[in-house]
Amino acid sequence: MDAQTGDLSVIGNIGFDKVVALAFRPDGSLWGWSQQGLLEIDMATGKGTLILPGNYAIQGLTWDQLGNVLFAVAEDTPEHSTLWAWMYDSDS
C-alpha cells in the first residue's frame, strides 16, 4: 500500500483457493491458510507453496515469539472454536 495515496499494488497470484488467514513468522516469512492447507507465501511473487495439506475451517493464524509453533483457530460451529498448534520443523 502506498502510504501517501492509499493505492494497493498487486504482487501476484497465490495459486490456491480461499486464502483466509495470514501470519508473519518472526524470521519475516509470510504464511497463510487456504482451502488446501498451510502455505508459505513468497512476498516478492505472491506464489504460495503448500507446506501442510489439510481441510480445516481455519480462520486465524499466529506464530509464537520464537517461530517454532504456529497456532490456528477453527470455528467448528457458531458456538464452538478449536485451537490448533503445529510445530515448525525446518528440516521438512
C-alpha atoms as a PDB file:
ATOM      1  CA  MET A   1       0.000   0.000   0.000  1.00  0.00           C
ATOM      2  CA  ASP A   2       1.297   3.428  -0.959  1.00  0.00           C
ATOM      3  CA  ALA A   3       1.418   5.447   2.292  1.00  0.00           C
ATOM      4  CA  GLN A   4       0.638   8.720   0.520  1.00  0.00           C
ATOM      5  CA  THR A   5      -2.097   7.670  -1.920  1.00  0.00           C
ATOM      6  CA  GLY A   6      -3.517   4.562  -0.246  1.00  0.00           C
ATOM      7  CA  ASP A   7      -3.246   2.677  -3.544  1.00  0.00           C
ATOM      8  CA  LEU A   8      -2.738  -1.073  -3.351  1.00  0.00           C
ATOM      9  CA  SER A   9      -0.247  -2.921  -5.557  1.00  0.00           C
ATOM     10  CA  VAL A  10      -0.819  -6.415  -6.916  1.00  0.00           C
ATOM     11  CA  ILE A  11       2.095  -8.715  -6.096  1.00  0.00           C
ATOM     12  CA  GLY A  12       0.913 -11.919  -7.786  1.00  0.00           C
ATOM     13  CA  ASN A  13      -1.376 -14.927  -7.775  1.00  0.00           C
ATOM     14  CA  ILE A  14      -1.025 -17.113  -4.677  1.00  0.00           C
ATOM     15  CA  GLY A  15      -2.243 -20.111  -6.673  1.00  0.00           C
ATOM     16  CA  PHE A  16      -4.524 -21.576  -4.002  1.00  0.00           C
ATOM     17  CA  ASP A  17      -8.247 -21.229  -3.268  1.00  0.00           C
ATOM     18  CA  LYS A  18      -9.797 -19.205  -0.456  1.00  0.00           C
ATOM     19  CA  VAL A  19      -6.768 -17.952   1.484  1.00  0.00           C
ATOM     20  CA  VAL A  20      -8.470 -16.868   4.709  1.00  0.00           C
ATOM     21  CA  ALA A  21      -5.639 -16.098   7.143  1.00  0.00           C
ATOM     22  CA  LEU A  22      -2.109 -14.693   7.025  1.00  0.00           C
ATOM     23  CA  ALA A  23       0.672 -14.579   9.628  1.00  0.00           C
ATOM     24  CA  PHE A  24       4.253 -13.375   9.635  1.00  0.00           C
ATOM     25  CA  ARG A  25       6.790 -15.714  11.215  1.00  0.00           C
ATOM     26  CA  PRO A  26       9.422 -13.920  13.336  1.00  0.00           C
ATOM     27  CA  ASP A  27      12.001 -14.581  10.580  1.00  0.00           C
ATOM     28  CA  GLY A  28       9.910 -12.345   8.279  1.00  0.00           C
ATOM     29  CA  SER A  29       8.386 -15.121   6.138  1.00  0.00           C
ATOM     30  CA  LEU A  30       4.681 -14.926   5.272  1.00  0.00           C
ATOM     31  CA  TRP A  31       2.350 -17.856   5.888  1.00  0.00           C
ATOM     32  CA  GLY A  32      -1.304 -18.398   5.042  1.00  0.00           C
ATOM     33  CA  TRP A  33      -4.144 -20.838   5.297  1.00  0.00           C
ATOM     34  CA  SER A  34      -6.086 -21.837   2.191  1.00  0.00           C
ATOM     35  CA  GLN A  35      -8.818 -24.320   1.384  1.00  0.00           C
ATOM     36  CA  GLN A  36      -5.988 -26.766   0.571  1.00  0.00           C
ATOM     37  CA  GLY A  37      -3.948 -26.245   3.771  1.00  0.00           C
ATOM     38  CA  LEU A  38      -0.958 -24.334   5.170  1.00  0.00           C
ATOM     39  CA  LEU A  39       1.059 -22.227   2.728  1.00  0.00           C
ATOM     40  CA  GLU A  40       4.335 -20.376   2.771  1.00  0.00           C
ATOM     41  CA  ILE A  41       3.935 -17.336   0.529  1.00  0.00           C
ATOM     42  CA  ASP A  42       6.727 -15.655  -1.421  1.00  0.00           C
ATOM     43  CA  MET A  43       6.312 -11.940  -0.750  1.00  0.00           C
ATOM     44  CA  ALA A  44       8.174 -10.978  -3.942  1.00  0.00           C
ATOM     45  CA  THR A  45       5.973 -13.024  -6.317  1.00  0.00           C
ATOM     46  CA  GLY A  46       2.865 -13.861  -4.265  1.00  0.00           C
ATOM     47  CA  LYS A  47       3.288 -17.572  -5.103  1.00  0.00           C
ATOM     48  CA  GLY A  48       2.186 -19.977  -2.383  1.00  0.00           C
ATOM     49  CA  THR A  49       3.851 -23.285  -1.600  1.00  0.00           C
ATOM     50  CA  LEU A  50       1.741 -25.949   0.114  1.00  0.00           C
ATOM     51  CA  ILE A  51       3.557 -26.977   3.304  1.00  0.00           C
ATOM     52  CA  LEU A  52       0.865 -28.946   5.125  1.00  0.00           C
ATOM     53  CA  PRO A  53      -2.225 -30.249   3.323  1.00  0.00           C
ATOM     54  CA  GLY A  54      -5.426 -30.054   5.317  1.00  0.00           C
ATOM     55  CA  ASN A  55      -9.074 -29.156   5.011  1.00  0.00           C
ATOM     56  CA  TYR A  56      -9.878 -27.481   8.332  1.00  0.00           C
ATOM     57  CA  ALA A  57     -12.105 -24.443   8.903  1.00  0.00           C
ATOM     58  CA  ILE A  58      -9.119 -22.302   9.972  1.00  0.00           C
ATOM     59  CA  GLN A  59      -9.908 -18.608  10.355  1.00  0.00           C
ATOM     60  CA  GLY A  60      -6.843 -17.165  12.071  1.00  0.00           C
ATOM     61  CA  LEU A  61      -3.104 -17.828  12.397  1.00  0.00           C
ATOM     62  CA  THR A  62      -0.300 -16.556  14.604  1.00  0.00           C
ATOM     63  CA  TRP A  63       3.256 -17.691  15.354  1.00  0.00           C
ATOM     64  CA  ASP A  64       4.784 -17.910  18.814  1.00  0.00           C
ATOM     65  CA  GLN A  65       7.588 -15.424  19.536  1.00  0.00           C
ATOM     66  CA  LEU A  66      10.344 -17.863  18.521  1.00  0.00           C
ATOM     67  CA  GLY A  67       8.661 -19.009  15.304  1.00  0.00           C
ATOM     68  CA  ASN A  68       8.563 -22.619  16.479  1.00  0.00           C
ATOM     69  CA  VAL A  69       4.813 -23.066  16.868  1.00  0.00           C
ATOM     70  CA  LEU A  70       2.047 -21.879  14.561  1.00  0.00           C
ATOM     71  CA  PHE A  71      -1.302 -21.518  16.301  1.00  0.00           C
ATOM     72  CA  ALA A  72      -4.544 -21.663  14.329  1.00  0.00           C
ATOM     73  CA  VAL A  73      -8.151 -21.221  15.329  1.00  0.00           C
ATOM     74  CA  ALA A  74     -11.011 -23.021  13.623  1.00  0.00           C
ATOM     75  CA  GLU A  75     -14.706 -22.417  14.050  1.00  0.00           C
ATOM     76  CA  ASP A  76     -16.324 -25.822  14.249  1.00  0.00           C
ATOM     77  CA  THR A  77     -19.817 -24.450  14.914  1.00  0.00           C
ATOM     78  CA  PRO A  78     -21.069 -20.925  15.700  1.00  0.00           C
ATOM     79  CA  GLU A  79     -20.790 -21.809  19.406  1.00  0.00           C
ATOM     80  CA  HIS A  80     -17.531 -23.802  19.339  1.00  0.00           C
ATOM     81  CA  SER A  81     -13.983 -22.994  18.231  1.00  0.00           C
ATOM     82  CA  THR A  82     -10.864 -25.153  18.404  1.00  0.00           C
ATOM     83  CA  LEU A  83      -7.264 -24.045  18.898  1.00  0.00           C
ATOM     84  CA  TRP A  84      -4.700 -25.994  16.875  1.00  0.00           C
ATOM     85  CA  ALA A  85      -0.898 -25.938  17.107  1.00  0.00           C
ATOM     86  CA  TRP A  86       1.669 -27.007  14.513  1.00  0.00           C
ATOM     87  CA  MET A  87       5.337 -27.457  15.381  1.00  0.00           C
ATOM     88  CA  TYR A  88       7.602 -25.980  12.691  1.00  0.00           C
ATOM     89  CA  ASP A  89      10.374 -28.312  11.533  1.00  0.00           C
ATOM     90  CA  SER A  90      12.982 -26.579   9.380  1.00  0.00           C
ATOM     91  CA  ASP A  91      14.131 -29.962   8.034  1.00  0.00           C
ATOM     92  CA  SER A  92      10.778 -30.753   6.400  1.00  0.00           C
END
